[in-house]
Amino acid sequence: MKMERIANVRGVCADFLKTASHFYEVEDCGIRVLTARPLKVREHWTTELFGDYDPNSLLIRVWMRTAVRKEMTSFGTFLSTLCHEFCHHLDFQKFGFADSLHTRGFFERAAALYHHVRGTPPKQLVWAPVSGGRWRIDWPRTNRSAH
């Protein structure tokens, strides 16, 4: 990534996805590694797209650069996004879900995969309730509890 060789990064991602797909006994998925993230600007908020998964084409897309400053993303963020998108692939292929929602279980699976790949001890995710009976990861508390 530091050498900005997209073809090399794509090759490593493809190897990772092939290995993960075989381990979980699901169909392989494709990968596209792109440059700067798309930026979506609205009146009261702005968001960047880190990656996505298309269940119809079995294709994961991940971006290597930030949307605004076009800086190279960190390896950890990039790998986390790749694991996240692969977990969407798992939801459709392994579990037969009609949709891949960002449930607590989904985030737990993505975190477990990420830490397994990195060889780091898993963090206990700390959850905080939000409106509508939903939950979000409380990253400050999650990171504090890891130390």
C-alpha atoms as a PDB file:
ATOM      1  CA  MET A   1       0.000   0.000   0.000  1.00  0.00           C
ATOM      2  CA  LYS A   2       2.786   2.421   0.890  1.00  0.00           C
ATOM      3  CA  MET A   3       4.251   1.935  -2.584  1.00  0.00           C
ATOM      4  CA  GLU A   4       0.787   2.662  -4.039  1.00  0.00           C
ATOM      5  CA  ARG A   5       0.786  -0.394  -6.260  1.00  0.00           C
ATOM      6  CA  ILE A   6      -2.902  -1.108  -6.646  1.00  0.00           C
ATOM      7  CA  ALA A   7      -2.320  -4.292  -8.662  1.00  0.00           C
ATOM      8  CA  ASN A   8      -0.192  -5.746  -5.839  1.00  0.00           C
ATOM      9  CA  VAL A   9      -2.736  -4.743  -3.199  1.00  0.00           C
ATOM     10  CA  ARG A  10      -5.535  -6.257  -5.294  1.00  0.00           C
ATOM     11  CA  GLY A  11      -3.552  -9.495  -5.617  1.00  0.00           C
ATOM     12  CA  VAL A  12      -3.028  -9.792  -1.861  1.00  0.00           C
ATOM     13  CA  CYS A  13      -6.716  -8.995  -1.245  1.00  0.00           C
ATOM     14  CA  ALA A  14      -7.749 -11.643  -3.794  1.00  0.00           C
ATOM     15  CA  ASP A  15      -5.532 -14.226  -2.061  1.00  0.00           C
ATOM     16  CA  PHE A  16      -7.045 -13.322   1.325  1.00  0.00           C
ATOM     17  CA  LEU A  17     -10.612 -13.541  -0.009  1.00  0.00           C
ATOM     18  CA  LYS A  18      -9.940 -16.870  -1.721  1.00  0.00           C
ATOM     19  CA  THR A  19      -8.475 -18.323   1.481  1.00  0.00           C
ATOM     20  CA  ALA A  20     -11.353 -16.991   3.602  1.00  0.00           C
ATOM     21  CA  SER A  21     -13.965 -18.225   1.103  1.00  0.00           C
ATOM     22  CA  HIS A  22     -12.461 -21.702   1.078  1.00  0.00           C
ATOM     23  CA  PHE A  23     -12.256 -21.765   4.886  1.00  0.00           C
ATOM     24  CA  TYR A  24     -15.915 -20.793   5.232  1.00  0.00           C
ATOM     25  CA  GLU A  25     -16.881 -23.038   2.286  1.00  0.00           C
ATOM     26  CA  VAL A  26     -18.525 -20.298   0.247  1.00  0.00           C
ATOM     27  CA  GLU A  27     -18.204 -19.229  -3.364  1.00  0.00           C
ATOM     28  CA  ASP A  28     -15.233 -16.979  -4.085  1.00  0.00           C
ATOM     29  CA  CYS A  29     -15.894 -13.273  -4.486  1.00  0.00           C
ATOM     30  CA  GLY A  30     -14.145 -10.690  -6.607  1.00  0.00           C
ATOM     31  CA  ILE A  31     -12.259  -7.607  -5.498  1.00  0.00           C
ATOM     32  CA  ARG A  32     -11.715  -4.134  -6.914  1.00  0.00           C
ATOM     33  CA  VAL A  33      -9.225  -1.857  -5.199  1.00  0.00           C
ATOM     34  CA  LEU A  34      -9.893   1.778  -6.012  1.00  0.00           C
ATOM     35  CA  THR A  35      -8.150   5.057  -5.248  1.00  0.00           C
ATOM     36  CA  ALA A  36      -9.962   7.893  -3.405  1.00  0.00           C
ATOM     37  CA  ARG A  37     -13.142   7.119  -1.508  1.00  0.00           C
ATOM     38  CA  PRO A  38     -16.418   8.592  -2.713  1.00  0.00           C
ATOM     39  CA  LEU A  39     -17.621  11.512  -0.613  1.00  0.00           C
ATOM     40  CA  LYS A  40     -21.323  12.090  -0.050  1.00  0.00           C
ATOM     41  CA  VAL A  41     -22.192  15.618   1.130  1.00  0.00           C
ATOM     42  CA  ARG A  42     -25.608  16.599   2.434  1.00  0.00           C
ATOM     43  CA  GLU A  43     -26.866  19.743   4.133  1.00  0.00           C
ATOM     44  CA  HIS A  44     -26.068  18.604   7.684  1.00  0.00           C
ATOM     45  CA  TRP A  45     -23.605  15.739   7.230  1.00  0.00           C
ATOM     46  CA  THR A  46     -20.818  14.285   5.145  1.00  0.00           C
ATOM     47  CA  THR A  47     -19.806  10.651   4.815  1.00  0.00           C
ATOM     48  CA  GLU A  48     -17.128   8.612   3.051  1.00  0.00           C
ATOM     49  CA  LEU A  49     -17.633   5.148   1.572  1.00  0.00           C
ATOM     50  CA  PHE A  50     -14.817   2.860   2.728  1.00  0.00           C
ATOM     51  CA  GLY A  51     -16.012  -0.223   0.863  1.00  0.00           C
ATOM     52  CA  ASP A  52     -19.069  -2.078  -0.375  1.00  0.00           C
ATOM     53  CA  TYR A  53     -20.268  -5.501  -1.465  1.00  0.00           C
ATOM     54  CA  ASP A  54     -22.617  -6.371  -4.309  1.00  0.00           C
ATOM     55  CA  PRO A  55     -24.336  -9.723  -3.664  1.00  0.00           C
ATOM     56  CA  ASN A  56     -25.451  -9.979  -7.296  1.00  0.00           C
ATOM     57  CA  SER A  57     -21.953  -9.804  -8.773  1.00  0.00           C
ATOM     58  CA  LEU A  58     -20.162 -11.191  -5.674  1.00  0.00           C
ATOM     59  CA  LEU A  59     -17.860  -8.180  -5.864  1.00  0.00           C
ATOM     60  CA  ILE A  60     -16.184  -6.300  -3.025  1.00  0.00           C
ATOM     61  CA  ARG A  61     -14.873  -2.785  -3.628  1.00  0.00           C
ATOM     62  CA  VAL A  62     -12.454  -1.080  -1.231  1.00  0.00           C
ATOM     63  CA  TRP A  63     -10.801   2.323  -1.461  1.00  0.00           C
ATOM     64  CA  MET A  64      -7.156   3.035  -0.585  1.00  0.00           C
ATOM     65  CA  ARG A  65      -7.307   6.824  -0.166  1.00  0.00           C
ATOM     66  CA  THR A  66      -9.327   9.201   1.972  1.00  0.00           C
ATOM     67  CA  ALA A  67     -12.028  11.210   0.225  1.00  0.00           C
ATOM     68  CA  VAL A  68     -11.043  14.764   1.115  1.00  0.00           C
ATOM     69  CA  ARG A  69      -7.255  14.867   1.464  1.00  0.00           C
ATOM     70  CA  LYS A  70      -6.617  11.856  -0.825  1.00  0.00           C
ATOM     71  CA  GLU A  71      -4.155  10.428   1.716  1.00  0.00           C
ATOM     72  CA  MET A  72      -3.350   6.728   1.887  1.00  0.00           C
ATOM     73  CA  THR A  73      -5.578   5.020   4.415  1.00  0.00           C
ATOM     74  CA  SER A  74      -3.996   3.079   7.251  1.00  0.00           C
ATOM     75  CA  PHE A  75      -3.436  -0.639   6.824  1.00  0.00           C
ATOM     76  CA  GLY A  76      -5.682  -1.349   9.820  1.00  0.00           C
ATOM     77  CA  THR A  77      -8.580   0.638   8.375  1.00  0.00           C
ATOM     78  CA  PHE A  78      -8.137  -0.978   4.967  1.00  0.00           C
ATOM     79  CA  LEU A  79      -8.020  -4.515   6.414  1.00  0.00           C
ATOM     80  CA  SER A  80     -10.980  -3.796   8.688  1.00  0.00           C
ATOM     81  CA  THR A  81     -12.998  -2.656   5.667  1.00  0.00           C
ATOM     82  CA  LEU A  82     -12.022  -5.762   3.693  1.00  0.00           C
ATOM     83  CA  CYS A  83     -13.068  -8.029   6.591  1.00  0.00           C
ATOM     84  CA  HIS A  84     -16.313  -6.079   6.988  1.00  0.00           C
ATOM     85  CA  GLU A  85     -17.205  -6.467   3.317  1.00  0.00           C
ATOM     86  CA  PHE A  86     -16.271 -10.150   3.350  1.00  0.00           C
ATOM     87  CA  CYS A  87     -18.702 -10.632   6.253  1.00  0.00           C
ATOM     88  CA  HIS A  88     -21.455  -9.236   4.010  1.00  0.00           C
ATOM     89  CA  HIS A  89     -20.441 -11.919   1.495  1.00  0.00           C
ATOM     90  CA  LEU A  90     -20.723 -14.523   4.275  1.00  0.00           C
ATOM     91  CA  ASP A  91     -24.193 -13.307   5.255  1.00  0.00           C
ATOM     92  CA  PHE A  92     -25.473 -13.961   1.745  1.00  0.00           C
ATOM     93  CA  GLN A  93     -23.450 -17.056   0.851  1.00  0.00           C
ATOM     94  CA  LYS A  94     -23.087 -18.979   4.130  1.00  0.00           C
ATOM     95  CA  PHE A  95     -26.124 -17.929   6.112  1.00  0.00           C
ATOM     96  CA  GLY A  96     -28.523 -17.413   3.194  1.00  0.00           C
ATOM     97  CA  PHE A  97     -29.656 -14.017   4.445  1.00  0.00           C
ATOM     98  CA  ALA A  98     -31.884 -12.029   2.093  1.00  0.00           C
ATOM     99  CA  ASP A  99     -30.146  -8.895   3.357  1.00  0.00           C
ATOM    100  CA  SER A 100     -26.911  -8.269   5.234  1.00  0.00           C
ATOM    101  CA  LEU A 101     -27.693  -5.972   8.108  1.00  0.00           C
ATOM    102  CA  HIS A 102     -25.241  -4.336  10.465  1.00  0.00           C
ATOM    103  CA  THR A 103     -26.318  -6.329  13.506  1.00  0.00           C
ATOM    104  CA  ARG A 104     -24.306  -6.836  16.659  1.00  0.00           C
ATOM    105  CA  GLY A 105     -23.509 -10.361  15.474  1.00  0.00           C
ATOM    106  CA  PHE A 106     -22.285  -9.029  12.141  1.00  0.00           C
ATOM    107  CA  PHE A 107     -19.827  -6.648  13.823  1.00  0.00           C
ATOM    108  CA  GLU A 108     -18.669  -9.382  16.215  1.00  0.00           C
ATOM    109  CA  ARG A 109     -17.912 -11.675  13.226  1.00  0.00           C
ATOM    110  CA  ALA A 110     -16.065  -8.911  11.364  1.00  0.00           C
ATOM    111  CA  ALA A 111     -13.994  -8.078  14.460  1.00  0.00           C
ATOM    112  CA  ALA A 112     -13.144 -11.743  15.060  1.00  0.00           C
ATOM    113  CA  LEU A 113     -11.972 -12.147  11.451  1.00  0.00           C
ATOM    114  CA  TYR A 114      -9.921  -8.934  11.600  1.00  0.00           C
ATOM    115  CA  HIS A 115      -8.100  -9.919  14.801  1.00  0.00           C
ATOM    116  CA  HIS A 116      -7.529 -13.475  13.561  1.00  0.00           C
ATOM    117  CA  VAL A 117      -5.918 -12.158  10.361  1.00  0.00           C
ATOM    118  CA  ARG A 118      -3.738  -9.670  12.245  1.00  0.00           C
ATOM    119  CA  GLY A 119      -2.839 -12.147  14.961  1.00  0.00           C
ATOM    120  CA  THR A 120      -3.933  -9.665  17.614  1.00  0.00           C
ATOM    121  CA  PRO A 121      -6.039 -10.379  20.697  1.00  0.00           C
ATOM    122  CA  PRO A 122      -9.707  -9.647  20.052  1.00  0.00           C
ATOM    123  CA  LYS A 123     -11.245  -6.615  21.712  1.00  0.00           C
ATOM    124  CA  GLN A 124     -14.435  -7.018  23.682  1.00  0.00           C
ATOM    125  CA  LEU A 125     -16.805  -4.692  21.824  1.00  0.00           C
ATOM    126  CA  VAL A 126     -18.691  -2.341  24.139  1.00  0.00           C
ATOM    127  CA  TRP A 127     -22.203  -1.544  22.920  1.00  0.00           C
ATOM    128  CA  ALA A 128     -24.269   1.585  23.537  1.00  0.00           C
ATOM    129  CA  PRO A 129     -28.000   1.802  22.839  1.00  0.00           C
ATOM    130  CA  VAL A 130     -29.286   4.341  20.332  1.00  0.00           C
ATOM    131  CA  SER A 131     -32.818   5.292  19.338  1.00  0.00           C
ATOM    132  CA  GLY A 132     -35.215   2.762  17.872  1.00  0.00           C
ATOM    133  CA  GLY A 133     -33.881  -0.193  19.842  1.00  0.00           C
ATOM    134  CA  ARG A 134     -30.648  -0.182  17.870  1.00  0.00           C
ATOM    135  CA  TRP A 135     -27.063  -0.364  19.109  1.00  0.00           C
ATOM    136  CA  ARG A 136     -23.724   1.130  18.121  1.00  0.00           C
ATOM    137  CA  ILE A 137     -20.173   0.271  19.079  1.00  0.00           C
ATOM    138  CA  ASP A 138     -18.857   2.638  21.736  1.00  0.00           C
ATOM    139  CA  TRP A 139     -15.312   2.918  20.371  1.00  0.00           C
ATOM    140  CA  PRO A 140     -13.825   5.029  23.206  1.00  0.00           C
ATOM    141  CA  ARG A 141     -14.996   2.501  25.819  1.00  0.00           C
ATOM    142  CA  THR A 142     -14.055  -0.466  23.591  1.00  0.00           C
ATOM    143  CA  ASN A 143     -10.525   0.899  23.149  1.00  0.00           C
ATOM    144  CA  ARG A 144     -10.153   1.733  26.866  1.00  0.00           C
ATOM    145  CA  SER A 145     -11.204  -1.765  27.890  1.00  0.00           C
ATOM    146  CA  ALA A 146      -8.574  -3.273  25.569  1.00  0.00           C
ATOM    147  CA  HIS A 147      -5.701  -1.757  27.594  1.00  0.00           C
END
